N, C-alpha and C. Protein backbone atom coordinates (compact mmCIF):
# COMPACT_ATOMS: atom_id res chain seq x y z
N MET A 1 -22.02 -28.65 -4.49
CA MET A 1 -22.55 -28.20 -3.01
C MET A 1 -22.27 -27.09 -2.34
N THR A 2 -23.37 -26.64 -1.57
CA THR A 2 -22.89 -25.04 -0.54
C THR A 2 -23.28 -25.90 0.60
N LEU A 3 -22.09 -25.35 1.31
CA LEU A 3 -22.17 -25.72 3.07
C LEU A 3 -23.28 -24.09 3.53
N THR A 4 -23.63 -24.61 4.55
CA THR A 4 -24.01 -23.53 5.26
C THR A 4 -23.98 -23.79 6.51
N ARG A 5 -23.86 -22.47 7.15
CA ARG A 5 -23.14 -22.72 8.72
C ARG A 5 -24.91 -21.92 9.50
N GLY A 6 -24.69 -23.01 10.52
CA GLY A 6 -25.95 -23.36 11.57
C GLY A 6 -25.85 -22.46 12.53
N PRO A 7 -27.06 -22.42 13.46
CA PRO A 7 -26.74 -21.02 13.96
C PRO A 7 -25.86 -21.42 15.04
N ARG A 8 -25.54 -22.79 15.57
CA ARG A 8 -24.49 -22.57 16.74
C ARG A 8 -23.14 -21.83 16.37
N SER A 9 -22.67 -22.13 15.15
CA SER A 9 -21.60 -21.84 14.71
C SER A 9 -21.62 -20.33 14.56
N ASP A 10 -22.52 -19.64 14.05
CA ASP A 10 -22.76 -18.35 13.89
C ASP A 10 -22.23 -17.79 14.89
N ALA A 11 -22.84 -18.56 16.34
CA ALA A 11 -23.13 -17.83 17.69
C ALA A 11 -21.52 -18.35 18.08
N ALA A 12 -20.82 -19.28 17.62
CA ALA A 12 -18.96 -19.26 17.89
C ALA A 12 -18.47 -18.23 18.08
N ASP A 13 -18.45 -18.22 16.29
CA ASP A 13 -17.77 -16.85 15.73
C ASP A 13 -17.78 -15.20 16.30
N ALA A 14 -19.40 -15.22 16.35
CA ALA A 14 -19.33 -14.23 17.68
C ALA A 14 -19.18 -14.05 18.47
N ILE A 15 -19.25 -14.55 19.52
CA ILE A 15 -18.29 -15.29 20.75
C ILE A 15 -16.53 -14.52 20.92
N THR A 16 -16.29 -15.70 19.99
CA THR A 16 -14.82 -15.43 19.70
C THR A 16 -14.41 -13.85 19.24
N VAL A 17 -15.15 -13.18 18.40
CA VAL A 17 -15.21 -11.98 17.75
C VAL A 17 -15.27 -10.97 19.12
N LEU A 18 -16.40 -11.10 19.87
CA LEU A 18 -15.88 -10.43 20.87
C LEU A 18 -15.28 -10.85 22.32
N LEU A 19 -14.14 -11.77 21.97
CA LEU A 19 -13.61 -12.09 23.58
C LEU A 19 -12.36 -11.95 23.04
N LEU A 20 -12.13 -11.08 21.67
CA LEU A 20 -11.13 -11.57 20.54
C LEU A 20 -10.83 -9.57 20.91
N GLY A 21 -11.81 -8.64 20.83
CA GLY A 21 -12.27 -7.64 20.86
C GLY A 21 -11.65 -7.10 22.51
N THR A 22 -12.38 -8.09 23.17
CA THR A 22 -12.50 -7.64 24.24
C THR A 22 -11.31 -7.71 25.46
N GLY A 23 -10.24 -8.57 25.32
CA GLY A 23 -9.38 -8.45 25.42
C GLY A 23 -7.93 -8.19 25.01
N ALA A 24 -7.91 -7.83 23.64
CA ALA A 24 -7.17 -6.69 22.97
C ALA A 24 -7.60 -4.85 23.12
N ALA A 25 -8.86 -5.00 23.89
CA ALA A 25 -9.19 -3.44 24.52
C ALA A 25 -8.64 -3.47 26.27
N ILE A 26 -8.07 -4.80 26.82
CA ILE A 26 -7.99 -4.93 27.48
C ILE A 26 -6.51 -4.61 27.69
N THR A 27 -6.12 -5.07 27.41
CA THR A 27 -4.36 -4.96 27.26
C THR A 27 -4.17 -3.70 26.63
N VAL A 28 -4.85 -2.89 25.33
CA VAL A 28 -4.58 -1.65 25.02
C VAL A 28 -4.62 -0.97 26.68
N VAL A 29 -5.94 -0.65 27.52
CA VAL A 29 -5.55 0.02 28.35
C VAL A 29 -4.76 -0.49 29.34
N LEU A 30 -3.88 -1.51 29.67
CA LEU A 30 -3.18 -1.61 30.61
C LEU A 30 -1.82 -1.43 30.17
N THR A 31 -1.63 -1.33 28.90
CA THR A 31 -0.93 -0.71 27.87
C THR A 31 -0.55 0.36 28.57
N VAL A 32 -1.67 1.28 28.39
CA VAL A 32 -1.48 2.86 28.11
C VAL A 32 -0.97 3.37 30.40
N VAL A 33 -2.03 2.47 30.76
CA VAL A 33 -1.42 2.24 32.47
C VAL A 33 -0.10 2.17 33.05
N ALA A 34 0.44 1.15 32.15
CA ALA A 34 1.83 0.96 32.55
C ALA A 34 2.55 2.23 31.59
N ARG A 35 2.50 2.75 30.52
CA ARG A 35 3.23 3.88 29.94
C ARG A 35 3.21 4.93 31.29
N PHE A 36 1.51 5.24 31.21
CA PHE A 36 1.83 6.47 32.47
C PHE A 36 2.90 6.65 33.34
N LEU A 37 3.08 4.98 33.90
CA LEU A 37 3.53 4.79 35.21
C LEU A 37 4.91 4.72 34.66
N ASP A 38 5.68 4.23 33.39
CA ASP A 38 7.09 4.73 33.05
C ASP A 38 7.14 5.82 32.73
N VAL A 39 6.56 7.00 31.94
CA VAL A 39 6.80 8.27 32.12
C VAL A 39 7.26 9.09 32.55
N PHE A 40 6.20 8.90 33.29
CA PHE A 40 5.70 9.54 35.02
C PHE A 40 6.43 9.00 36.54
N ARG A 41 7.49 9.12 36.28
CA ARG A 41 8.11 8.99 37.69
C ARG A 41 8.04 9.45 38.79
N GLU A 42 8.61 9.29 39.93
CA GLU A 42 8.53 10.19 41.21
C GLU A 42 10.07 11.18 40.91
N ALA A 43 10.55 10.28 40.52
CA ALA A 43 12.30 11.11 40.17
C ALA A 43 12.13 12.42 39.04
N GLY A 44 11.25 12.29 38.15
CA GLY A 44 10.66 13.35 36.87
C GLY A 44 9.83 12.62 35.65
N VAL A 45 10.38 13.19 34.56
CA VAL A 45 9.65 12.80 33.77
C VAL A 45 10.41 11.57 32.95
N ALA A 46 10.61 10.46 33.03
CA ALA A 46 11.70 9.66 31.94
C ALA A 46 11.01 9.54 30.26
N TRP A 47 12.13 10.22 29.35
CA TRP A 47 11.92 9.72 28.14
C TRP A 47 13.00 9.16 27.45
N ARG A 48 13.09 8.86 26.41
CA ARG A 48 13.88 8.04 25.76
C ARG A 48 14.40 9.78 24.54
N ILE A 49 15.79 10.11 24.27
CA ILE A 49 16.22 11.08 23.36
C ILE A 49 17.85 10.10 22.64
N ASP A 50 17.24 10.93 21.24
CA ASP A 50 18.55 10.42 20.74
C ASP A 50 19.59 11.35 20.85
N ILE A 51 20.68 10.63 21.41
CA ILE A 51 22.33 11.12 22.15
C ILE A 51 23.08 11.10 21.11
N ASP A 52 24.40 11.79 21.09
CA ASP A 52 25.49 11.18 20.12
C ASP A 52 25.87 10.28 20.63
N ASP A 53 26.88 9.30 18.89
CA ASP A 53 26.99 8.00 19.21
C ASP A 53 28.38 8.07 20.28
N GLU A 54 27.98 6.71 21.30
CA GLU A 54 28.82 6.82 22.00
C GLU A 54 28.98 5.03 22.08
N PRO A 55 30.81 4.67 22.26
CA PRO A 55 30.85 3.20 22.23
C PRO A 55 30.60 2.94 23.74
N PHE A 56 30.66 1.72 23.49
CA PHE A 56 30.70 1.30 25.13
C PHE A 56 30.52 -0.16 25.10
N SER A 57 31.19 -0.31 26.72
CA SER A 57 31.66 -2.27 26.38
C SER A 57 30.73 -2.36 27.49
N ALA A 58 30.38 -3.96 27.33
CA ALA A 58 28.77 -4.37 28.75
C ALA A 58 29.44 -5.95 28.27
N SER A 59 29.07 -6.33 30.05
CA SER A 59 29.17 -7.91 30.26
C SER A 59 27.58 -8.27 28.94
N VAL A 60 28.01 -9.66 29.32
CA VAL A 60 26.07 -10.27 28.69
C VAL A 60 26.88 -11.72 29.38
N GLY A 61 25.43 -12.26 29.62
CA GLY A 61 25.06 -13.67 29.98
C GLY A 61 25.66 -13.99 31.02
N SER A 62 25.77 -12.80 32.30
CA SER A 62 25.50 -12.59 33.86
C SER A 62 27.55 -12.85 34.03
N GLY A 63 27.44 -12.22 32.41
CA GLY A 63 29.59 -11.78 32.96
C GLY A 63 30.21 -12.94 32.20
N THR A 64 29.67 -13.94 31.41
CA THR A 64 30.21 -14.90 31.25
C THR A 64 30.57 -14.61 29.84
N GLY A 65 30.61 -13.30 29.30
CA GLY A 65 31.09 -12.65 28.13
C GLY A 65 31.10 -11.43 27.89
N TYR A 66 31.57 -10.58 27.63
CA TYR A 66 31.45 -9.20 26.98
C TYR A 66 31.24 -8.18 25.08
N VAL A 67 30.68 -7.35 25.28
CA VAL A 67 29.71 -6.75 23.73
C VAL A 67 30.53 -5.46 24.13
N ASP A 68 31.23 -4.72 22.62
CA ASP A 68 31.64 -3.49 22.65
C ASP A 68 30.27 -3.45 21.97
N GLY A 69 29.81 -2.05 21.31
CA GLY A 69 29.24 -1.41 20.49
C GLY A 69 28.68 0.58 20.35
N ILE A 70 27.93 0.89 19.97
CA ILE A 70 27.58 2.33 20.24
C ILE A 70 26.61 2.60 21.17
N VAL A 71 26.42 3.68 21.41
CA VAL A 71 24.86 3.83 22.14
C VAL A 71 24.41 5.13 21.23
N GLN A 72 23.47 4.95 21.27
CA GLN A 72 22.82 6.18 20.30
C GLN A 72 21.29 6.62 20.17
N ASN A 73 20.41 6.12 21.55
CA ASN A 73 19.75 6.43 22.04
C ASN A 73 19.95 6.68 23.66
N ALA A 74 19.38 6.83 24.34
CA ALA A 74 19.24 7.08 26.07
C ALA A 74 18.19 6.87 27.18
N LEU A 75 17.46 6.58 27.84
CA LEU A 75 16.57 7.05 28.69
C LEU A 75 17.22 7.82 29.54
N VAL A 76 16.57 9.11 29.59
CA VAL A 76 16.63 10.05 30.80
C VAL A 76 15.84 10.49 31.43
N ILE A 77 15.13 11.11 32.68
CA ILE A 77 14.95 11.62 33.94
C ILE A 77 15.25 13.28 33.39
N ALA A 78 14.47 14.33 33.78
CA ALA A 78 13.84 15.59 34.02
C ALA A 78 13.46 15.53 35.08
N PRO A 79 14.00 16.14 36.37
CA PRO A 79 13.04 16.13 37.69
C PRO A 79 12.04 17.17 37.23
N GLU A 80 12.29 18.36 36.70
CA GLU A 80 10.99 19.13 36.56
C GLU A 80 11.25 19.67 34.82
N VAL A 81 9.55 19.83 34.50
CA VAL A 81 8.92 19.96 33.13
C VAL A 81 8.22 20.33 33.74
N ASP A 82 7.95 21.66 31.98
CA ASP A 82 6.46 22.21 32.80
C ASP A 82 4.97 21.76 32.08
N GLY A 83 4.23 22.60 32.82
CA GLY A 83 3.20 21.88 31.90
C GLY A 83 2.93 21.51 30.94
N GLY A 84 3.24 22.17 29.97
CA GLY A 84 3.38 21.56 28.70
C GLY A 84 3.52 20.67 27.64
N THR A 85 4.82 20.12 28.27
CA THR A 85 5.58 19.21 28.03
C THR A 85 4.77 17.68 29.02
N ALA A 86 4.42 17.90 30.06
CA ALA A 86 4.12 17.17 30.69
C ALA A 86 2.41 16.54 30.08
N ALA A 87 1.69 17.72 29.32
CA ALA A 87 0.67 17.26 29.34
C ALA A 87 1.11 17.00 27.61
N ALA A 88 1.73 16.99 27.14
CA ALA A 88 2.14 16.69 25.25
C ALA A 88 2.19 15.13 25.68
N LEU A 89 3.20 14.62 26.34
CA LEU A 89 3.41 13.33 26.70
C LEU A 89 2.26 12.35 27.32
N ALA A 90 1.88 13.35 28.16
CA ALA A 90 0.66 12.63 28.78
C ALA A 90 -0.82 12.08 27.18
N GLY A 91 -0.52 13.41 26.26
CA GLY A 91 -1.63 12.89 25.47
C GLY A 91 -0.97 12.40 24.08
N SER A 92 0.81 12.28 24.35
CA SER A 92 0.43 11.36 23.07
C SER A 92 0.42 9.35 23.13
N ILE A 93 0.10 9.39 24.71
CA ILE A 93 -0.15 8.70 25.53
C ILE A 93 -1.56 8.14 25.19
N VAL A 94 -2.13 9.09 25.79
CA VAL A 94 -3.93 8.71 25.78
C VAL A 94 -4.60 8.94 24.21
N VAL A 95 -3.46 9.40 23.21
CA VAL A 95 -3.96 9.34 22.13
C VAL A 95 -4.41 8.35 21.29
N TRP A 96 -2.29 7.50 21.79
CA TRP A 96 -2.32 6.99 20.77
C TRP A 96 -3.51 5.36 21.81
N GLY A 97 -3.69 5.04 23.27
CA GLY A 97 -4.73 4.63 23.36
C GLY A 97 -6.33 5.08 22.95
N ILE A 98 -6.54 5.61 22.31
CA ILE A 98 -7.89 5.93 22.43
C ILE A 98 -7.86 5.78 20.73
N THR A 99 -6.91 5.98 19.67
CA THR A 99 -6.75 4.84 18.77
C THR A 99 -6.48 3.68 18.43
N CYS A 100 -5.97 3.19 19.32
CA CYS A 100 -5.99 1.53 19.68
C CYS A 100 -7.63 0.86 19.80
N LEU A 101 -8.19 1.81 20.19
CA LEU A 101 -9.31 1.30 21.05
C LEU A 101 -10.55 1.81 19.83
N ALA A 102 -9.94 2.72 19.26
CA ALA A 102 -11.18 3.13 18.24
C ALA A 102 -11.47 2.12 17.05
N VAL A 103 -10.11 1.27 16.93
CA VAL A 103 -9.71 0.43 15.52
C VAL A 103 -10.17 -0.60 16.11
N ILE A 104 -10.23 -0.81 16.89
CA ILE A 104 -10.31 -2.39 17.44
C ILE A 104 -11.94 -2.88 17.27
N ALA A 105 -12.41 -1.50 18.27
CA ALA A 105 -14.00 -1.20 17.54
C ALA A 105 -14.81 -1.22 16.74
N ALA A 106 -13.84 -0.60 15.33
CA ALA A 106 -14.52 -0.73 14.48
C ALA A 106 -13.81 -1.94 13.53
N VAL A 107 -13.28 -2.76 13.59
CA VAL A 107 -13.04 -4.16 13.31
C VAL A 107 -13.62 -5.19 13.57
N MET A 108 -13.92 -4.92 15.39
CA MET A 108 -15.02 -5.67 15.62
C MET A 108 -16.59 -5.21 15.05
N TYR A 109 -16.32 -4.30 14.89
CA TYR A 109 -17.69 -4.45 13.63
C TYR A 109 -17.54 -4.41 12.44
N VAL A 110 -16.46 -4.20 12.36
CA VAL A 110 -17.07 -5.57 9.74
C VAL A 110 -16.61 -7.03 10.36
N ALA A 111 -15.94 -7.23 11.32
CA ALA A 111 -16.18 -8.54 11.61
C ALA A 111 -17.83 -9.15 11.91
N ARG A 112 -18.52 -8.83 12.93
CA ARG A 112 -20.11 -9.02 13.22
C ARG A 112 -21.01 -8.64 12.21
N SER A 113 -20.68 -7.04 10.92
CA SER A 113 -21.43 -7.63 9.59
C SER A 113 -21.20 -8.18 8.71
N PHE A 114 -19.60 -9.15 8.75
CA PHE A 114 -19.67 -9.81 7.86
C PHE A 114 -20.30 -11.47 8.16
N LEU A 115 -20.11 -11.81 9.39
CA LEU A 115 -20.91 -12.65 10.24
C LEU A 115 -22.08 -12.74 9.81
N ARG A 116 -23.19 -11.05 9.66
CA ARG A 116 -24.40 -11.63 9.34
C ARG A 116 -24.33 -11.08 8.08
N GLY A 117 -23.71 -11.42 7.25
CA GLY A 117 -23.60 -11.12 5.73
C GLY A 117 -24.28 -9.82 5.51
N ARG A 118 -23.29 -9.41 6.11
CA ARG A 118 -23.86 -7.25 5.87
C ARG A 118 -22.74 -6.79 5.07
N PHE A 119 -21.95 -7.43 3.89
CA PHE A 119 -21.21 -6.76 3.99
C PHE A 119 -21.20 -5.21 3.12
N PHE A 120 -22.27 -4.65 1.92
CA PHE A 120 -22.09 -3.52 1.43
C PHE A 120 -23.19 -2.87 1.73
N VAL A 121 -23.20 -2.36 3.41
CA VAL A 121 -24.03 -1.47 4.01
C VAL A 121 -23.25 -0.90 3.94
N PRO A 122 -23.51 1.05 4.07
CA PRO A 122 -23.19 2.29 4.70
C PRO A 122 -22.38 1.59 5.95
N ALA A 123 -22.96 1.83 6.79
CA ALA A 123 -22.44 1.59 8.30
C ALA A 123 -20.91 0.32 8.62
N THR A 124 -20.84 -0.47 7.18
CA THR A 124 -19.56 -1.17 7.17
C THR A 124 -18.56 -0.30 6.57
N ALA A 125 -19.14 0.62 5.42
CA ALA A 125 -17.61 1.04 4.92
C ALA A 125 -17.53 2.57 5.89
N ARG A 126 -18.52 3.27 6.74
CA ARG A 126 -18.00 4.52 7.60
C ARG A 126 -17.03 3.22 8.68
N ALA A 127 -17.20 2.05 9.12
CA ALA A 127 -16.00 1.54 10.11
C ALA A 127 -15.29 1.14 9.23
N PHE A 128 -14.96 0.92 8.15
CA PHE A 128 -13.18 0.77 7.71
C PHE A 128 -13.51 2.42 7.07
N ASP A 129 -14.26 3.49 7.00
CA ASP A 129 -13.27 4.66 7.32
C ASP A 129 -12.59 4.90 9.01
N VAL A 130 -13.50 5.01 9.88
CA VAL A 130 -12.93 4.94 10.91
C VAL A 130 -11.98 4.13 11.26
N ILE A 131 -11.17 2.94 11.03
CA ILE A 131 -9.95 2.72 11.56
C ILE A 131 -8.96 3.43 10.37
N GLY A 132 -9.14 3.96 9.05
CA GLY A 132 -8.14 3.80 7.87
C GLY A 132 -8.44 5.71 8.75
N TRP A 133 -9.48 6.34 9.08
CA TRP A 133 -8.81 7.86 10.21
C TRP A 133 -8.24 7.45 11.04
N ALA A 134 -9.07 6.75 11.41
CA ALA A 134 -7.65 7.02 13.50
C ALA A 134 -5.90 6.19 13.18
N LEU A 135 -5.80 5.53 12.45
CA LEU A 135 -4.76 5.35 12.34
C LEU A 135 -3.47 6.60 11.20
N VAL A 136 -4.32 7.11 10.10
CA VAL A 136 -3.51 7.98 9.97
C VAL A 136 -3.16 9.31 10.83
N GLY A 137 -4.92 9.72 11.30
CA GLY A 137 -4.73 11.04 11.74
C GLY A 137 -4.19 10.64 13.76
N GLY A 138 -4.57 9.68 14.15
CA GLY A 138 -3.78 9.08 15.15
C GLY A 138 -2.82 9.29 15.43
N GLY A 139 -1.63 8.36 14.25
CA GLY A 139 -0.31 8.23 14.45
C GLY A 139 -0.19 9.75 14.25
N PHE A 140 -0.60 10.30 13.63
CA PHE A 140 0.43 11.92 12.96
C PHE A 140 0.01 12.87 14.16
N VAL A 141 -1.16 12.83 15.47
CA VAL A 141 -0.96 13.80 16.41
C VAL A 141 -0.05 13.16 17.28
N VAL A 142 0.47 11.63 17.64
CA VAL A 142 0.83 11.73 18.41
C VAL A 142 2.53 11.67 18.34
N LEU A 143 2.23 11.29 16.98
CA LEU A 143 3.59 11.74 16.23
C LEU A 143 4.44 13.35 16.57
N ILE A 144 2.81 14.34 16.91
CA ILE A 144 3.81 15.72 16.55
C ILE A 144 3.49 16.51 18.43
N LEU A 145 2.97 15.13 19.21
CA LEU A 145 2.74 15.10 20.51
C LEU A 145 4.17 14.87 21.23
N GLU A 146 4.31 13.87 21.14
CA GLU A 146 5.64 14.05 21.24
C GLU A 146 7.01 14.43 20.94
N ASN A 147 7.13 15.13 19.48
CA ASN A 147 8.49 15.89 19.51
C ASN A 147 8.11 16.95 20.27
N VAL A 148 6.92 17.23 21.39
CA VAL A 148 6.37 18.30 21.69
C VAL A 148 7.19 18.08 22.89
N GLY A 149 6.63 17.40 23.27
CA GLY A 149 7.07 16.41 24.73
C GLY A 149 8.91 16.32 24.42
N ARG A 150 9.24 15.44 23.72
CA ARG A 150 10.42 15.41 23.34
C ARG A 150 12.10 16.89 24.06
N ASN A 151 11.23 17.72 22.88
CA ASN A 151 11.48 18.99 23.30
C ASN A 151 11.55 19.41 24.66
N GLY A 152 10.22 19.58 25.04
CA GLY A 152 9.80 19.94 26.30
C GLY A 152 11.18 19.48 27.99
N ILE A 153 11.31 18.26 27.23
CA ILE A 153 12.29 17.54 28.11
C ILE A 153 13.59 17.97 27.87
N LEU A 154 14.22 18.01 26.72
CA LEU A 154 15.36 19.07 26.36
C LEU A 154 15.73 20.34 26.41
N THR A 155 14.63 20.94 27.36
CA THR A 155 14.62 22.71 27.53
C THR A 155 14.80 21.97 28.91
N ALA A 156 14.54 21.70 29.35
CA ALA A 156 14.48 20.69 30.92
C ALA A 156 15.67 20.22 31.45
N LEU A 157 16.34 20.09 30.62
CA LEU A 157 17.37 19.38 30.37
C LEU A 157 18.48 20.81 30.72
N GLY A 158 18.58 21.75 30.37
CA GLY A 158 19.09 22.53 29.46
C GLY A 158 20.20 22.14 28.01
N VAL A 159 19.41 21.74 27.56
CA VAL A 159 19.78 21.57 25.89
C VAL A 159 19.44 22.40 25.36
N GLY A 160 19.81 23.36 24.81
CA GLY A 160 19.64 25.05 24.33
C GLY A 160 18.89 24.30 22.69
N GLU A 161 19.44 23.05 22.07
CA GLU A 161 18.87 22.98 20.37
C GLU A 161 18.07 21.81 20.94
N VAL A 162 16.82 22.44 20.10
CA VAL A 162 15.20 21.29 20.43
C VAL A 162 15.53 20.59 18.69
N GLU A 163 14.85 19.49 19.09
CA GLU A 163 15.10 18.52 17.90
C GLU A 163 13.33 18.83 17.04
N PRO A 164 13.76 19.51 15.66
CA PRO A 164 12.17 19.37 14.35
C PRO A 164 12.23 18.02 14.65
N LEU A 165 10.73 17.83 13.63
CA LEU A 165 10.41 16.48 13.08
C LEU A 165 11.30 16.94 11.64
N HIS A 166 11.76 14.88 11.59
CA HIS A 166 12.66 14.81 10.54
C HIS A 166 12.60 13.88 9.74
N PHE A 167 12.63 13.41 8.64
CA PHE A 167 12.02 12.16 8.00
C PHE A 167 12.34 10.73 8.57
N LEU A 168 12.97 10.85 9.80
CA LEU A 168 13.27 9.19 9.95
C LEU A 168 12.00 9.04 11.36
N ASP A 169 11.95 10.74 11.68
CA ASP A 169 10.30 10.49 13.00
C ASP A 169 8.92 10.28 11.72
N PHE A 170 9.24 10.62 10.41
CA PHE A 170 8.18 9.96 9.61
C PHE A 170 8.10 8.53 9.34
N TRP A 171 9.18 8.18 8.90
CA TRP A 171 9.64 7.02 8.44
C TRP A 171 8.78 6.08 9.46
N GLN A 172 9.03 6.63 10.63
CA GLN A 172 8.69 5.26 11.61
C GLN A 172 6.75 4.79 11.80
N TRP A 173 6.50 5.58 11.26
CA TRP A 173 4.77 5.69 11.10
C TRP A 173 4.38 5.01 10.11
N ALA A 174 5.27 5.21 8.99
CA ALA A 174 4.74 5.08 7.68
C ALA A 174 4.15 3.39 7.55
N PRO A 175 4.50 2.66 7.82
CA PRO A 175 3.90 1.28 7.46
C PRO A 175 2.48 1.37 8.05
N VAL A 176 1.95 2.19 9.38
CA VAL A 176 0.84 2.44 10.05
C VAL A 176 -0.27 3.18 8.66
N TRP A 177 0.50 4.46 8.88
CA TRP A 177 -0.12 5.51 7.65
C TRP A 177 -0.78 4.56 6.35
N ALA A 178 0.37 3.48 5.52
CA ALA A 178 0.35 2.61 4.96
C ALA A 178 -1.09 1.69 5.19
N VAL A 179 -1.42 1.31 5.61
CA VAL A 179 -2.62 0.56 6.52
C VAL A 179 -3.94 1.04 6.22
N GLY A 180 -3.60 2.96 6.98
CA GLY A 180 -4.64 3.62 7.34
C GLY A 180 -5.08 3.81 6.13
N VAL A 181 -4.46 3.80 4.87
CA VAL A 181 -4.34 4.63 3.74
C VAL A 181 -5.24 3.37 2.95
N THR A 182 -4.58 2.07 3.44
CA THR A 182 -4.85 0.92 2.10
C THR A 182 -6.90 0.83 2.72
N ILE A 183 -7.43 1.10 4.03
CA ILE A 183 -7.99 0.53 4.23
C ILE A 183 -9.06 1.64 4.40
N GLY A 184 -8.52 2.64 3.98
CA GLY A 184 -9.48 4.11 3.76
C GLY A 184 -9.71 3.51 2.52
N LEU A 185 -8.60 3.56 1.17
CA LEU A 185 -9.30 2.53 -0.12
C LEU A 185 -10.40 1.57 -0.38
N ILE A 186 -10.10 0.80 0.79
CA ILE A 186 -11.16 -0.05 0.59
C ILE A 186 -13.19 0.22 1.28
N ALA A 187 -12.34 1.15 1.82
CA ALA A 187 -13.93 2.15 2.86
C ALA A 187 -14.72 2.51 1.09
N VAL A 188 -13.95 3.10 0.49
CA VAL A 188 -14.11 3.93 -1.32
C VAL A 188 -14.69 2.41 -1.71
N ALA A 189 -14.52 1.81 -1.88
CA ALA A 189 -14.61 0.21 -2.82
C ALA A 189 -16.19 -0.09 -2.41
N PHE A 190 -16.39 -0.28 -0.76
CA PHE A 190 -17.35 -0.07 -0.37
C PHE A 190 -18.34 0.53 -0.28
N ARG A 191 -18.54 1.65 -0.69
CA ARG A 191 -19.41 2.47 -0.76
C ARG A 191 -19.37 2.17 -2.77
N ARG A 192 -18.85 1.84 -3.42
CA ARG A 192 -19.12 1.73 -4.48
C ARG A 192 -19.71 0.47 -4.41
N GLY A 193 -19.69 -0.66 -3.92
CA GLY A 193 -20.47 -1.60 -4.03
C GLY A 193 -21.47 -1.41 -3.17
N VAL A 194 -21.88 -0.26 -2.51
CA VAL A 194 -23.30 0.01 -1.52
C VAL A 194 -24.05 0.45 -3.31
N ARG A 195 -23.29 1.69 -3.87
CA ARG A 195 -23.86 2.03 -5.32
C ARG A 195 -24.27 1.20 -5.80
N LEU A 196 -23.86 -0.01 -6.11
CA LEU A 196 -23.64 -0.33 -6.87
C LEU A 196 -24.89 -1.81 -6.86
N GLN A 197 -24.91 -2.66 -5.36
CA GLN A 197 -25.79 -2.79 -4.87
C GLN A 197 -27.24 -1.72 -4.96
N ARG A 198 -27.28 -0.95 -5.05
CA ARG A 198 -28.57 -0.52 -5.02
C ARG A 198 -29.19 -0.54 -6.26
N ASP A 199 -27.91 0.45 -7.54
CA ASP A 199 -28.65 -0.22 -8.86
C ASP A 199 -29.24 -1.23 -9.09
N THR A 200 -28.29 -2.26 -8.02
CA THR A 200 -29.22 -3.52 -9.16
C THR A 200 -30.26 -3.18 -8.96
N GLU A 201 -30.60 -3.53 -6.93
CA GLU A 201 -31.57 -4.12 -6.45
C GLU A 201 -32.59 -2.98 -6.89
N GLY A 202 -32.26 -1.71 -7.92
CA GLY A 202 -33.35 -0.98 -8.36
C GLY A 202 -33.74 -1.41 -10.00
N LEU A 203 -33.22 -2.32 -10.51
CA LEU A 203 -33.40 -2.77 -11.46
C LEU A 203 -34.07 -4.09 -11.71
N VAL A 204 -34.25 -4.87 -9.85
CA VAL A 204 -35.27 -5.90 -10.26
C VAL A 204 -36.48 -5.67 -9.87
């Protein structure tokens, strides 16, 4: 027995996709605004940097206990940074937001296409391309801009030696890039499905 979906069910699914996508987009915009306010403060530009291991002791639970540990990074505030540093940090936040919005829009389009029964069509493959390239390219650009901004802050604080990109910087983006590459392969599969569907229709 084949179960068919009624118009009301399709409409409800479409509205759900629209609401979820809109909610995600609003969350991204609010996050971008919050990050701008957190980084660009009245006292200067704030950013987390790695520091030499520093032992510390602190109270927890409103003074009910104490813990010992090692601090490996700290939030620093540079009162004066050059325009390039500020632009790099602002750009990293903006690119992150644009990347998220592009992925959300493409996912919404794919969801709507699937709800309409439009699977192996060029537009769906292009949407997967957008998701894949946004994750890979956007993540790489954010990584570069953050590194430029971090080095600018270190220079403004009088630290002579800047930090080049190293393995751990790339590793933190590895899961995002893996997802992007996987979705890119899905786009390739959908393109082959489009060609196969065209060839099959041509034989009928």
